[in-house]
């Protein structure tokens, strides 16, 4: 089942179709849609996961900070209120 993701990239709000068959999570999907290479980001995120005592919180903080640096804000799934 495809979902819809809404995000703001450098001040412009966009939407796109999302499926777990194609992407690991919505952050990777929006980065691909905007042509951003995440190899370095994913390597650093993995290092943080292996070394941080705070665990998932440290990963989440890193992801949020880096995606803001890339120019993304307000990344979320769109709820389909009609169904």
PDB file of N, CA and C in Angstrom:
ATOM      1  N   UNK A   1       0.839  -1.178   0.000  1.00  0.00           N
ATOM      2  CA  UNK A   1       0.000   0.000   0.000  1.00  0.00           C
ATOM      3  C   UNK A   1       0.889   1.248   0.000  1.00  0.00           C
ATOM      4  N   UNK A   2       0.671   2.121  -0.920  1.00  0.00           N
ATOM      5  CA  UNK A   2       1.437   3.359  -1.019  1.00  0.00           C
ATOM      6  C   UNK A   2       0.855   4.407  -0.067  1.00  0.00           C
ATOM      7  N   UNK A   3       1.742   5.172   0.507  1.00  0.00           N
ATOM      8  CA  UNK A   3       1.356   6.282   1.380  1.00  0.00           C
ATOM      9  C   UNK A   3       1.828   7.570   0.739  1.00  0.00           C
ATOM     10  N   UNK A   4       1.405   8.678   1.303  1.00  0.00           N
ATOM     11  CA  UNK A   4       1.837   9.975   0.809  1.00  0.00           C
ATOM     12  C   UNK A   4       2.675  10.660   1.883  1.00  0.00           C
ATOM     13  N   UNK A   5       3.787  11.232   1.466  1.00  0.00           N
ATOM     14  CA  UNK A   5       4.684  11.959   2.359  1.00  0.00           C
ATOM     15  C   UNK A   5       4.647  13.426   1.960  1.00  0.00           C
ATOM     16  N   UNK A   6       4.566  14.285   2.952  1.00  0.00           N
ATOM     17  CA  UNK A   6       4.641  15.723   2.723  1.00  0.00           C
ATOM     18  C   UNK A   6       5.910  16.228   3.401  1.00  0.00           C
ATOM     19  N   UNK A   7       6.594  17.162   2.738  1.00  0.00           N
ATOM     20  CA  UNK A   7       7.813  17.728   3.306  1.00  0.00           C
ATOM     21  C   UNK A   7       8.048  19.105   2.721  1.00  0.00           C
ATOM     22  N   UNK A   8       8.855  19.866   3.408  1.00  0.00           N
ATOM     23  CA  UNK A   8       9.250  21.176   2.921  1.00  0.00           C
ATOM     24  C   UNK A   8      10.749  21.131   2.664  1.00  0.00           C
ATOM     25  N   UNK A   9      11.130  21.479   1.449  1.00  0.00           N
ATOM     26  CA  UNK A   9      12.544  21.494   1.063  1.00  0.00           C
ATOM     27  C   UNK A   9      12.906  22.890   0.591  1.00  0.00           C
ATOM     28  N   UNK A  10      13.781  23.520   1.344  1.00  0.00           N
ATOM     29  CA  UNK A  10      14.237  24.878   1.049  1.00  0.00           C
ATOM     30  C   UNK A  10      13.073  25.839   0.827  1.00  0.00           C
ATOM     31  N   UNK A  11      12.077  25.737   1.727  1.00  0.00           N
ATOM     32  CA  UNK A  11      10.954  26.662   1.718  1.00  0.00           C
ATOM     33  C   UNK A  11       9.795  26.288   0.819  1.00  0.00           C
ATOM     34  N   UNK A  12       9.920  25.220   0.041  1.00  0.00           N
ATOM     35  CA  UNK A  12       8.851  24.817  -0.869  1.00  0.00           C
ATOM     36  C   UNK A  12       8.246  23.491  -0.398  1.00  0.00           C
ATOM     37  N   UNK A  13       6.942  23.485  -0.139  1.00  0.00           N
ATOM     38  CA  UNK A  13       6.257  22.280   0.335  1.00  0.00           C
ATOM     39  C   UNK A  13       5.935  21.372  -0.837  1.00  0.00           C
ATOM     40  N   UNK A  14       6.247  20.086  -0.659  1.00  0.00           N
ATOM     41  CA  UNK A  14       6.045  19.093  -1.712  1.00  0.00           C
ATOM     42  C   UNK A  14       5.413  17.839  -1.126  1.00  0.00           C
ATOM     43  N   UNK A  15       4.797  17.034  -1.987  1.00  0.00           N
ATOM     44  CA  UNK A  15       4.275  15.734  -1.592  1.00  0.00           C
ATOM     45  C   UNK A  15       4.778  14.690  -2.577  1.00  0.00           C
ATOM     46  N   UNK A  16       4.836  13.444  -2.100  1.00  0.00           N
ATOM     47  CA  UNK A  16       5.279  12.357  -2.959  1.00  0.00           C
ATOM     48  C   UNK A  16       4.692  11.047  -2.460  1.00  0.00           C
ATOM     49  N   UNK A  17       4.613  10.068  -3.346  1.00  0.00           N
ATOM     50  CA  UNK A  17       4.165   8.734  -2.970  1.00  0.00           C
ATOM     51  C   UNK A  17       5.306   8.016  -2.260  1.00  0.00           C
ATOM     52  N   UNK A  18       4.975   7.194  -1.280  1.00  0.00           N
ATOM     53  CA  UNK A  18       5.967   6.462  -0.506  1.00  0.00           C
ATOM     54  C   UNK A  18       5.530   5.015  -0.356  1.00  0.00           C
ATOM     55  N   UNK A  19       6.486   4.106  -0.497  1.00  0.00           N
ATOM     56  CA  UNK A  19       6.229   2.688  -0.290  1.00  0.00           C
ATOM     57  C   UNK A  19       7.441   2.078   0.404  1.00  0.00           C
ATOM     58  N   UNK A  20       7.200   1.226   1.393  1.00  0.00           N
ATOM     59  CA  UNK A  20       8.303   0.555   2.083  1.00  0.00           C
ATOM     60  C   UNK A  20       9.023  -0.433   1.175  1.00  0.00           C
ATOM     61  N   UNK A  21       8.420  -0.795   0.047  1.00  0.00           N
ATOM     62  CA  UNK A  21       9.095  -1.666  -0.915  1.00  0.00           C
ATOM     63  C   UNK A  21      10.309  -0.981  -1.547  1.00  0.00           C
ATOM     64  N   UNK A  22      10.236   0.355  -1.661  1.00  0.00           N
ATOM     65  CA  UNK A  22      11.297   1.105  -2.337  1.00  0.00           C
ATOM     66  C   UNK A  22      12.269   1.786  -1.381  1.00  0.00           C
ATOM     67  N   UNK A  23      11.789   2.179  -0.203  1.00  0.00           N
ATOM     68  CA  UNK A  23      12.620   2.952   0.722  1.00  0.00           C
ATOM     69  C   UNK A  23      12.533   2.402   2.137  1.00  0.00           C
ATOM     70  N   UNK A  24      13.630   2.567   2.877  1.00  0.00           N
ATOM     71  CA  UNK A  24      13.700   2.119   4.260  1.00  0.00           C
ATOM     72  C   UNK A  24      12.815   2.974   5.161  1.00  0.00           C
ATOM     73  N   UNK A  25      12.841   4.287   4.945  1.00  0.00           N
ATOM     74  CA  UNK A  25      11.992   5.196   5.718  1.00  0.00           C
ATOM     75  C   UNK A  25      11.704   6.458   4.906  1.00  0.00           C
ATOM     76  N   UNK A  26      10.861   7.311   5.444  1.00  0.00           N
ATOM     77  CA  UNK A  26      10.451   8.489   4.678  1.00  0.00           C
ATOM     78  C   UNK A  26      11.581   9.492   4.497  1.00  0.00           C
ATOM     79  N   UNK A  27      12.554   9.520   5.398  1.00  0.00           N
ATOM     80  CA  UNK A  27      13.691  10.424   5.243  1.00  0.00           C
ATOM     81  C   UNK A  27      14.536  10.052   4.024  1.00  0.00           C
ATOM     82  N   UNK A  28      14.789   8.772   3.864  1.00  0.00           N
ATOM     83  CA  UNK A  28      15.553   8.325   2.698  1.00  0.00           C
ATOM     84  C   UNK A  28      14.783   8.589   1.405  1.00  0.00           C
ATOM     85  N   UNK A  29      13.472   8.474   1.455  1.00  0.00           N
ATOM     86  CA  UNK A  29      12.644   8.720   0.267  1.00  0.00           C
ATOM     87  C   UNK A  29      12.705  10.174  -0.171  1.00  0.00           C
ATOM     88  N   UNK A  30      12.572  11.099   0.775  1.00  0.00           N
ATOM     89  CA  UNK A  30      12.585  12.518   0.396  1.00  0.00           C
ATOM     90  C   UNK A  30      13.978  12.955  -0.058  1.00  0.00           C
ATOM     91  N   UNK A  31      15.019  12.383   0.545  1.00  0.00           N
ATOM     92  CA  UNK A  31      16.377  12.705   0.105  1.00  0.00           C
ATOM     93  C   UNK A  31      16.590  12.243  -1.330  1.00  0.00           C
ATOM     94  N   UNK A  32      16.128  11.043  -1.653  1.00  0.00           N
ATOM     95  CA  UNK A  32      16.253  10.552  -3.027  1.00  0.00           C
ATOM     96  C   UNK A  32      15.459  11.427  -3.992  1.00  0.00           C
ATOM     97  N   UNK A  33      14.272  11.848  -3.590  1.00  0.00           N
ATOM     98  CA  UNK A  33      13.438  12.694  -4.452  1.00  0.00           C
ATOM     99  C   UNK A  33      14.130  14.015  -4.781  1.00  0.00           C
ATOM    100  N   UNK A  34      14.955  14.502  -3.858  1.00  0.00           N
ATOM    101  CA  UNK A  34      15.653  15.774  -4.077  1.00  0.00           C
ATOM    102  C   UNK A  34      17.084  15.578  -4.572  1.00  0.00           C
ATOM    103  N   UNK A  35      17.481  14.325  -4.807  1.00  0.00           N
ATOM    104  CA  UNK A  35      18.802  14.051  -5.368  1.00  0.00           C
ATOM    105  C   UNK A  35      19.953  14.173  -4.386  1.00  0.00           C
ATOM    106  N   UNK A  36      19.704  13.932  -3.115  1.00  0.00           N
ATOM    107  CA  UNK A  36      20.738  14.043  -2.092  1.00  0.00           C
ATOM    108  C   UNK A  36      21.321  12.658  -1.819  1.00  0.00           C
ATOM    109  N   UNK A  37      22.647  12.559  -1.883  1.00  0.00           N
ATOM    110  CA  UNK A  37      23.353  11.305  -1.617  1.00  0.00           C
ATOM    111  C   UNK A  37      23.516  11.140  -0.106  1.00  0.00           C
ATOM    112  N   UNK A  38      23.034  10.038   0.427  1.00  0.00           N
ATOM    113  CA  UNK A  38      23.066   9.815   1.867  1.00  0.00           C
ATOM    114  C   UNK A  38      24.148   8.840   2.329  1.00  0.00           C
ATOM    115  N   UNK A  39      25.095   8.483   1.497  1.00  0.00           N
ATOM    116  CA  UNK A  39      26.105   7.490   1.883  1.00  0.00           C
ATOM    117  C   UNK A  39      26.863   7.915   3.139  1.00  0.00           C
ATOM    118  N   UNK A  40      27.372   9.117   3.160  1.00  0.00           N
ATOM    119  CA  UNK A  40      28.103   9.613   4.330  1.00  0.00           C
ATOM    120  C   UNK A  40      27.212   9.740   5.546  1.00  0.00           C
ATOM    121  N   UNK A  41      26.007  10.232   5.339  1.00  0.00           N
ATOM    122  CA  UNK A  41      25.041  10.372   6.426  1.00  0.00           C
ATOM    123  C   UNK A  41      24.722   9.028   7.056  1.00  0.00           C
ATOM    124  N   UNK A  42      24.437   8.018   6.224  1.00  0.00           N
ATOM    125  CA  UNK A  42      24.078   6.693   6.737  1.00  0.00           C
ATOM    126  C   UNK A  42      25.248   6.039   7.470  1.00  0.00           C
ATOM    127  N   UNK A  43      26.460   6.251   6.993  1.00  0.00           N
ATOM    128  CA  UNK A  43      27.636   5.707   7.675  1.00  0.00           C
ATOM    129  C   UNK A  43      27.799   6.337   9.059  1.00  0.00           C
ATOM    130  N   UNK A  44      27.627   7.639   9.143  1.00  0.00           N
ATOM    131  CA  UNK A  44      27.744   8.328  10.434  1.00  0.00           C
ATOM    132  C   UNK A  44      26.607   7.914  11.370  1.00  0.00           C
ATOM    133  N   UNK A  45      25.413   7.773  10.841  1.00  0.00           N
ATOM    134  CA  UNK A  45      24.274   7.346  11.654  1.00  0.00           C
ATOM    135  C   UNK A  45      24.524   5.955  12.245  1.00  0.00           C
ATOM    136  N   UNK A  46      25.126   5.079  11.459  1.00  0.00           N
ATOM    137  CA  UNK A  46      25.454   3.747  11.938  1.00  0.00           C
ATOM    138  C   UNK A  46      26.508   3.819  13.047  1.00  0.00           C
ATOM    139  N   UNK A  47      27.499   4.689  12.889  1.00  0.00           N
ATOM    140  CA  UNK A  47      28.516   4.871  13.928  1.00  0.00           C
ATOM    141  C   UNK A  47      27.898   5.381  15.227  1.00  0.00           C
ATOM    142  N   UNK A  48      26.967   6.308  15.112  1.00  0.00           N
ATOM    143  CA  UNK A  48      26.285   6.841  16.293  1.00  0.00           C
ATOM    144  C   UNK A  48      25.492   5.736  16.982  1.00  0.00           C
ATOM    145  N   UNK A  49      24.821   4.915  16.210  1.00  0.00           N
ATOM    146  CA  UNK A  49      24.035   3.817  16.773  1.00  0.00           C
ATOM    147  C   UNK A  49      24.914   2.838  17.544  1.00  0.00           C
ATOM    148  N   UNK A  50      26.116   2.587  17.042  1.00  0.00           N
ATOM    149  CA  UNK A  50      27.000   1.617  17.683  1.00  0.00           C
ATOM    150  C   UNK A  50      27.705   2.175  18.924  1.00  0.00           C
ATOM    151  N   UNK A  51      27.907   3.484  18.984  1.00  0.00           N
ATOM    152  CA  UNK A  51      28.708   4.044  20.060  1.00  0.00           C
ATOM    153  C   UNK A  51      27.934   4.851  21.094  1.00  0.00           C
ATOM    154  N   UNK A  52      26.726   5.241  20.805  1.00  0.00           N
ATOM    155  CA  UNK A  52      25.986   6.121  21.699  1.00  0.00           C
ATOM    156  C   UNK A  52      25.333   5.351  22.849  1.00  0.00           C
ATOM    157  N   UNK A  53      25.421   5.922  24.016  1.00  0.00           N
ATOM    158  CA  UNK A  53      24.728   5.350  25.181  1.00  0.00           C
ATOM    159  C   UNK A  53      23.251   5.724  25.172  1.00  0.00           C
ATOM    160  N   UNK A  54      22.921   6.805  24.496  1.00  0.00           N
ATOM    161  CA  UNK A  54      21.537   7.264  24.445  1.00  0.00           C
ATOM    162  C   UNK A  54      20.712   6.502  23.422  1.00  0.00           C
ATOM    163  N   UNK A  55      21.353   5.707  22.580  1.00  0.00           N
ATOM    164  CA  UNK A  55      20.657   4.845  21.629  1.00  0.00           C
ATOM    165  C   UNK A  55      19.847   5.583  20.592  1.00  0.00           C
ATOM    166  N   UNK A  56      18.559   5.254  20.508  1.00  0.00           N
ATOM    167  CA  UNK A  56      17.689   5.785  19.463  1.00  0.00           C
ATOM    168  C   UNK A  56      17.550   7.306  19.537  1.00  0.00           C
ATOM    169  N   UNK A  57      17.615   7.877  20.722  1.00  0.00           N
ATOM    170  CA  UNK A  57      17.488   9.330  20.845  1.00  0.00           C
ATOM    171  C   UNK A  57      18.636  10.040  20.137  1.00  0.00           C
ATOM    172  N   UNK A  58      19.835   9.538  20.285  1.00  0.00           N
ATOM    173  CA  UNK A  58      20.992  10.151  19.623  1.00  0.00           C
ATOM    174  C   UNK A  58      20.858  10.051  18.107  1.00  0.00           C
ATOM    175  N   UNK A  59      20.398   8.907  17.625  1.00  0.00           N
ATOM    176  CA  UNK A  59      20.197   8.734  16.180  1.00  0.00           C
ATOM    177  C   UNK A  59      19.138   9.699  15.670  1.00  0.00           C
ATOM    178  N   UNK A  60      18.034   9.810  16.404  1.00  0.00           N
ATOM    179  CA  UNK A  60      16.934  10.691  15.994  1.00  0.00           C
ATOM    180  C   UNK A  60      17.396  12.154  15.971  1.00  0.00           C
ATOM    181  N   UNK A  61      18.149  12.558  16.991  1.00  0.00           N
ATOM    182  CA  UNK A  61      18.656  13.932  17.042  1.00  0.00           C
ATOM    183  C   UNK A  61      19.604  14.215  15.878  1.00  0.00           C
ATOM    184  N   UNK A  62      20.481  13.263  15.581  1.00  0.00           N
ATOM    185  CA  UNK A  62      21.407  13.424  14.463  1.00  0.00           C
ATOM    186  C   UNK A  62      20.642  13.538  13.145  1.00  0.00           C
ATOM    187  N   UNK A  63      19.667  12.659  12.942  1.00  0.00           N
ATOM    188  CA  UNK A  63      18.873  12.667  11.712  1.00  0.00           C
ATOM    189  C   UNK A  63      18.148  14.007  11.553  1.00  0.00           C
ATOM    190  N   UNK A  64      17.522  14.461  12.621  1.00  0.00           N
ATOM    191  CA  UNK A  64      16.772  15.727  12.562  1.00  0.00           C
ATOM    192  C   UNK A  64      17.703  16.903  12.244  1.00  0.00           C
ATOM    193  N   UNK A  65      18.855  16.932  12.881  1.00  0.00           N
ATOM    194  CA  UNK A  65      19.818  18.015  12.659  1.00  0.00           C
ATOM    195  C   UNK A  65      20.368  18.004  11.234  1.00  0.00           C
ATOM    196  N   UNK A  66      20.751  16.831  10.762  1.00  0.00           N
ATOM    197  CA  UNK A  66      21.338  16.737   9.428  1.00  0.00           C
ATOM    198  C   UNK A  66      20.318  17.039   8.331  1.00  0.00           C
ATOM    199  N   UNK A  67      19.090  16.570   8.479  1.00  0.00           N
ATOM    200  CA  UNK A  67      18.094  16.851   7.455  1.00  0.00           C
ATOM    201  C   UNK A  67      17.725  18.333   7.450  1.00  0.00           C
ATOM    202  N   UNK A  68      17.769  18.990   8.596  1.00  0.00           N
ATOM    203  CA  UNK A  68      17.568  20.446   8.633  1.00  0.00           C
ATOM    204  C   UNK A  68      18.719  21.133   7.900  1.00  0.00           C
ATOM    205  N   UNK A  69      19.933  20.620   8.068  1.00  0.00           N
ATOM    206  CA  UNK A  69      21.098  21.183   7.372  1.00  0.00           C
ATOM    207  C   UNK A  69      20.982  20.991   5.863  1.00  0.00           C
ATOM    208  N   UNK A  70      20.410  19.851   5.435  1.00  0.00           N
ATOM    209  CA  UNK A  70      20.190  19.606   4.005  1.00  0.00           C
ATOM    210  C   UNK A  70      19.133  20.547   3.426  1.00  0.00           C
ATOM    211  N   UNK A  71      18.256  21.102   4.281  1.00  0.00           N
ATOM    212  CA  UNK A  71      17.214  22.014   3.819  1.00  0.00           C
ATOM    213  C   UNK A  71      15.803  21.488   4.004  1.00  0.00           C
ATOM    214  N   UNK A  72      15.652  20.368   4.708  1.00  0.00           N
ATOM    215  CA  UNK A  72      14.327  19.770   4.911  1.00  0.00           C
ATOM    216  C   UNK A  72      13.715  20.220   6.230  1.00  0.00           C
ATOM    217  N   UNK A  73      12.412  20.411   6.212  1.00  0.00           N
ATOM    218  CA  UNK A  73      11.641  20.629   7.434  1.00  0.00           C
ATOM    219  C   UNK A  73      10.290  19.946   7.265  1.00  0.00           C
ATOM    220  N   UNK A  74       9.640  19.692   8.368  1.00  0.00           N
ATOM    221  CA  UNK A  74       8.257  19.211   8.388  1.00  0.00           C
ATOM    222  C   UNK A  74       8.049  17.951   7.529  1.00  0.00           C
ATOM    223  N   UNK A  75       8.848  16.929   7.734  1.00  0.00           N
ATOM    224  CA  UNK A  75       8.711  15.665   7.000  1.00  0.00           C
ATOM    225  C   UNK A  75       7.731  14.782   7.762  1.00  0.00           C
ATOM    226  N   UNK A  76       6.640  14.402   7.097  1.00  0.00           N
ATOM    227  CA  UNK A  76       5.634  13.576   7.772  1.00  0.00           C
ATOM    228  C   UNK A  76       4.747  12.850   6.769  1.00  0.00           C
ATOM    229  N   UNK A  77       4.102  11.781   7.264  1.00  0.00           N
ATOM    230  CA  UNK A  77       3.099  11.082   6.456  1.00  0.00           C
ATOM    231  C   UNK A  77       1.818  11.898   6.454  1.00  0.00           C
ATOM    232  N   UNK A  78       1.128  11.916   5.305  1.00  0.00           N
ATOM    233  CA  UNK A  78      -0.151  12.619   5.195  1.00  0.00           C
ATOM    234  C   UNK A  78      -1.238  11.653   5.611  1.00  0.00           C
ATOM    235  N   UNK A  79      -2.071  12.067   6.518  1.00  0.00           N
ATOM    236  CA  UNK A  79      -3.202  11.233   6.942  1.00  0.00           C
ATOM    237  C   UNK A  79      -4.333  11.417   5.962  1.00  0.00           C
ATOM    238  N   UNK A  80      -4.906  10.306   5.566  1.00  0.00           N
ATOM    239  CA  UNK A  80      -6.010  10.346   4.611  1.00  0.00           C
ATOM    240  C   UNK A  80      -7.311  10.411   5.412  1.00  0.00           C
ATOM    241  N   UNK A  81      -7.827  11.616   5.614  1.00  0.00           N
ATOM    242  CA  UNK A  81      -9.023  11.840   6.436  1.00  0.00           C
ATOM    243  C   UNK A  81     -10.313  11.421   5.732  1.00  0.00           C
ATOM    244  N   UNK A  82     -10.251  11.210   4.421  1.00  0.00           N
ATOM    245  CA  UNK A  82     -11.455  10.892   3.674  1.00  0.00           C
ATOM    246  C   UNK A  82     -11.923   9.449   3.865  1.00  0.00           C
ATOM    247  N   UNK A  83     -10.998   8.572   4.221  1.00  0.00           N
ATOM    248  CA  UNK A  83     -11.369   7.162   4.360  1.00  0.00           C
ATOM    249  C   UNK A  83     -11.830   6.834   5.758  1.00  0.00           C
TER     250      UNK A  83
END
